[in-house]
């Protein structure tokens, strides 16, 4: 996969939400905040991301890992653009 693969448009917001929730969980832990609430938010975001039907299609095609990395990279780039 030399070029970035095509990803469904509705996947990026899900991956961004999971990254934000992960970062919030880390921040809560470092600040002595409510880690359990942050963890629950992260799990909900991660579950929504993993439940997207695109991933099952990629698993069946043996392409999950490469597409997951591409989705993660796109989400990180989107968050970096916001900063």
C-alpha atoms as a PDB file:
ATOM      1  CA  UNK A   1       0.000   0.000   0.000  1.00  0.00           C
ATOM      2  CA  UNK A   2       2.310   2.715  -1.217  1.00  0.00           C
ATOM      3  CA  UNK A   3      -0.482   5.244  -1.658  1.00  0.00           C
ATOM      4  CA  UNK A   4      -2.988   6.092   1.026  1.00  0.00           C
ATOM      5  CA  UNK A   5      -6.006   3.829   0.607  1.00  0.00           C
ATOM      6  CA  UNK A   6      -9.500   5.172   0.134  1.00  0.00           C
ATOM      7  CA  UNK A   7     -11.347   5.255   3.437  1.00  0.00           C
ATOM      8  CA  UNK A   8     -15.066   5.809   3.995  1.00  0.00           C
ATOM      9  CA  UNK A   9     -15.830   9.458   4.776  1.00  0.00           C
ATOM     10  CA  UNK A  10     -17.686   8.544   7.953  1.00  0.00           C
ATOM     11  CA  UNK A  11     -14.677   6.674   9.353  1.00  0.00           C
ATOM     12  CA  UNK A  12     -12.415   9.671  10.011  1.00  0.00           C
ATOM     13  CA  UNK A  13     -14.697  11.326  12.599  1.00  0.00           C
ATOM     14  CA  UNK A  14     -14.905   8.022  14.476  1.00  0.00           C
ATOM     15  CA  UNK A  15     -11.139   7.626  14.581  1.00  0.00           C
ATOM     16  CA  UNK A  16     -10.674  11.258  15.612  1.00  0.00           C
ATOM     17  CA  UNK A  17     -13.168  10.771  18.451  1.00  0.00           C
ATOM     18  CA  UNK A  18     -11.281   7.702  19.664  1.00  0.00           C
ATOM     19  CA  UNK A  19      -7.966   9.567  19.604  1.00  0.00           C
ATOM     20  CA  UNK A  20      -9.449  12.517  21.484  1.00  0.00           C
ATOM     21  CA  UNK A  21     -10.935  10.192  24.080  1.00  0.00           C
ATOM     22  CA  UNK A  22      -7.591   8.401  24.456  1.00  0.00           C
ATOM     23  CA  UNK A  23      -5.824  11.710  24.987  1.00  0.00           C
ATOM     24  CA  UNK A  24      -8.473  12.815  27.489  1.00  0.00           C
ATOM     25  CA  UNK A  25      -7.964   9.596  29.429  1.00  0.00           C
ATOM     26  CA  UNK A  26      -4.208  10.208  29.555  1.00  0.00           C
ATOM     27  CA  UNK A  27      -4.749  13.813  30.636  1.00  0.00           C
ATOM     28  CA  UNK A  28      -7.176  12.737  33.368  1.00  0.00           C
ATOM     29  CA  UNK A  29      -4.695  10.175  34.668  1.00  0.00           C
ATOM     30  CA  UNK A  30      -1.800  12.661  34.669  1.00  0.00           C
ATOM     31  CA  UNK A  31      -3.913  15.366  36.345  1.00  0.00           C
ATOM     32  CA  UNK A  32      -5.394  13.045  38.950  1.00  0.00           C
ATOM     33  CA  UNK A  33      -8.840  13.488  37.439  1.00  0.00           C
ATOM     34  CA  UNK A  34     -11.727  11.100  36.869  1.00  0.00           C
ATOM     35  CA  UNK A  35      -9.934   8.380  34.952  1.00  0.00           C
ATOM     36  CA  UNK A  36     -12.886   5.995  35.089  1.00  0.00           C
ATOM     37  CA  UNK A  37     -15.210   8.440  33.314  1.00  0.00           C
ATOM     38  CA  UNK A  38     -12.523   9.164  30.717  1.00  0.00           C
ATOM     39  CA  UNK A  39     -11.959   5.433  30.252  1.00  0.00           C
ATOM     40  CA  UNK A  40     -15.671   4.841  29.700  1.00  0.00           C
ATOM     41  CA  UNK A  41     -15.742   7.617  27.084  1.00  0.00           C
ATOM     42  CA  UNK A  42     -12.714   6.093  25.373  1.00  0.00           C
ATOM     43  CA  UNK A  43     -14.256   2.616  25.325  1.00  0.00           C
ATOM     44  CA  UNK A  44     -17.464   3.987  23.815  1.00  0.00           C
ATOM     45  CA  UNK A  45     -15.507   5.814  21.098  1.00  0.00           C
ATOM     46  CA  UNK A  46     -13.312   2.792  20.394  1.00  0.00           C
ATOM     47  CA  UNK A  47     -16.332   0.495  20.204  1.00  0.00           C
ATOM     48  CA  UNK A  48     -18.037   2.833  17.721  1.00  0.00           C
ATOM     49  CA  UNK A  49     -14.900   2.919  15.584  1.00  0.00           C
ATOM     50  CA  UNK A  50     -14.409  -0.836  15.616  1.00  0.00           C
ATOM     51  CA  UNK A  51     -18.086  -1.479  14.882  1.00  0.00           C
ATOM     52  CA  UNK A  52     -17.897   0.276  11.515  1.00  0.00           C
ATOM     53  CA  UNK A  53     -18.692  -2.330   8.835  1.00  0.00           C
ATOM     54  CA  UNK A  54     -15.632  -1.279   6.836  1.00  0.00           C
ATOM     55  CA  UNK A  55     -13.360  -3.134   9.272  1.00  0.00           C
ATOM     56  CA  UNK A  56     -15.062  -6.491   8.838  1.00  0.00           C
ATOM     57  CA  UNK A  57     -14.701  -6.164   5.069  1.00  0.00           C
ATOM     58  CA  UNK A  58     -11.003  -5.409   5.475  1.00  0.00           C
ATOM     59  CA  UNK A  59     -10.497  -8.332   7.888  1.00  0.00           C
ATOM     60  CA  UNK A  60     -12.070 -10.724   5.414  1.00  0.00           C
ATOM     61  CA  UNK A  61      -9.808  -9.381   2.663  1.00  0.00           C
ATOM     62  CA  UNK A  62      -6.703  -9.649   4.879  1.00  0.00           C
ATOM     63  CA  UNK A  63      -6.187  -5.881   4.709  1.00  0.00           C
ATOM     64  CA  UNK A  64      -7.190  -4.737   8.191  1.00  0.00           C
ATOM     65  CA  UNK A  65      -3.756  -3.728   9.486  1.00  0.00           C
ATOM     66  CA  UNK A  66      -2.788  -1.494   6.564  1.00  0.00           C
ATOM     67  CA  UNK A  67      -6.141   0.243   6.464  1.00  0.00           C
ATOM     68  CA  UNK A  68      -6.172   0.688  10.252  1.00  0.00           C
ATOM     69  CA  UNK A  69      -2.790   2.393  10.076  1.00  0.00           C
ATOM     70  CA  UNK A  70      -3.971   4.624   7.230  1.00  0.00           C
ATOM     71  CA  UNK A  71      -7.073   5.580   9.225  1.00  0.00           C
ATOM     72  CA  UNK A  72      -4.998   6.295  12.331  1.00  0.00           C
ATOM     73  CA  UNK A  73      -2.546   8.406  10.331  1.00  0.00           C
ATOM     74  CA  UNK A  74      -5.407  10.387   8.776  1.00  0.00           C
ATOM     75  CA  UNK A  75      -6.959  11.021  12.205  1.00  0.00           C
ATOM     76  CA  UNK A  76      -3.637  12.154  13.662  1.00  0.00           C
ATOM     77  CA  UNK A  77      -3.092  14.486  10.713  1.00  0.00           C
ATOM     78  CA  UNK A  78      -6.570  15.960  11.136  1.00  0.00           C
ATOM     79  CA  UNK A  79      -5.924  16.618  14.820  1.00  0.00           C
ATOM     80  CA  UNK A  80      -2.538  18.159  14.049  1.00  0.00           C
ATOM     81  CA  UNK A  81      -4.214  20.485  11.548  1.00  0.00           C
ATOM     82  CA  UNK A  82      -6.566  21.678  14.301  1.00  0.00           C
ATOM     83  CA  UNK A  83      -3.691  22.673  16.574  1.00  0.00           C
END
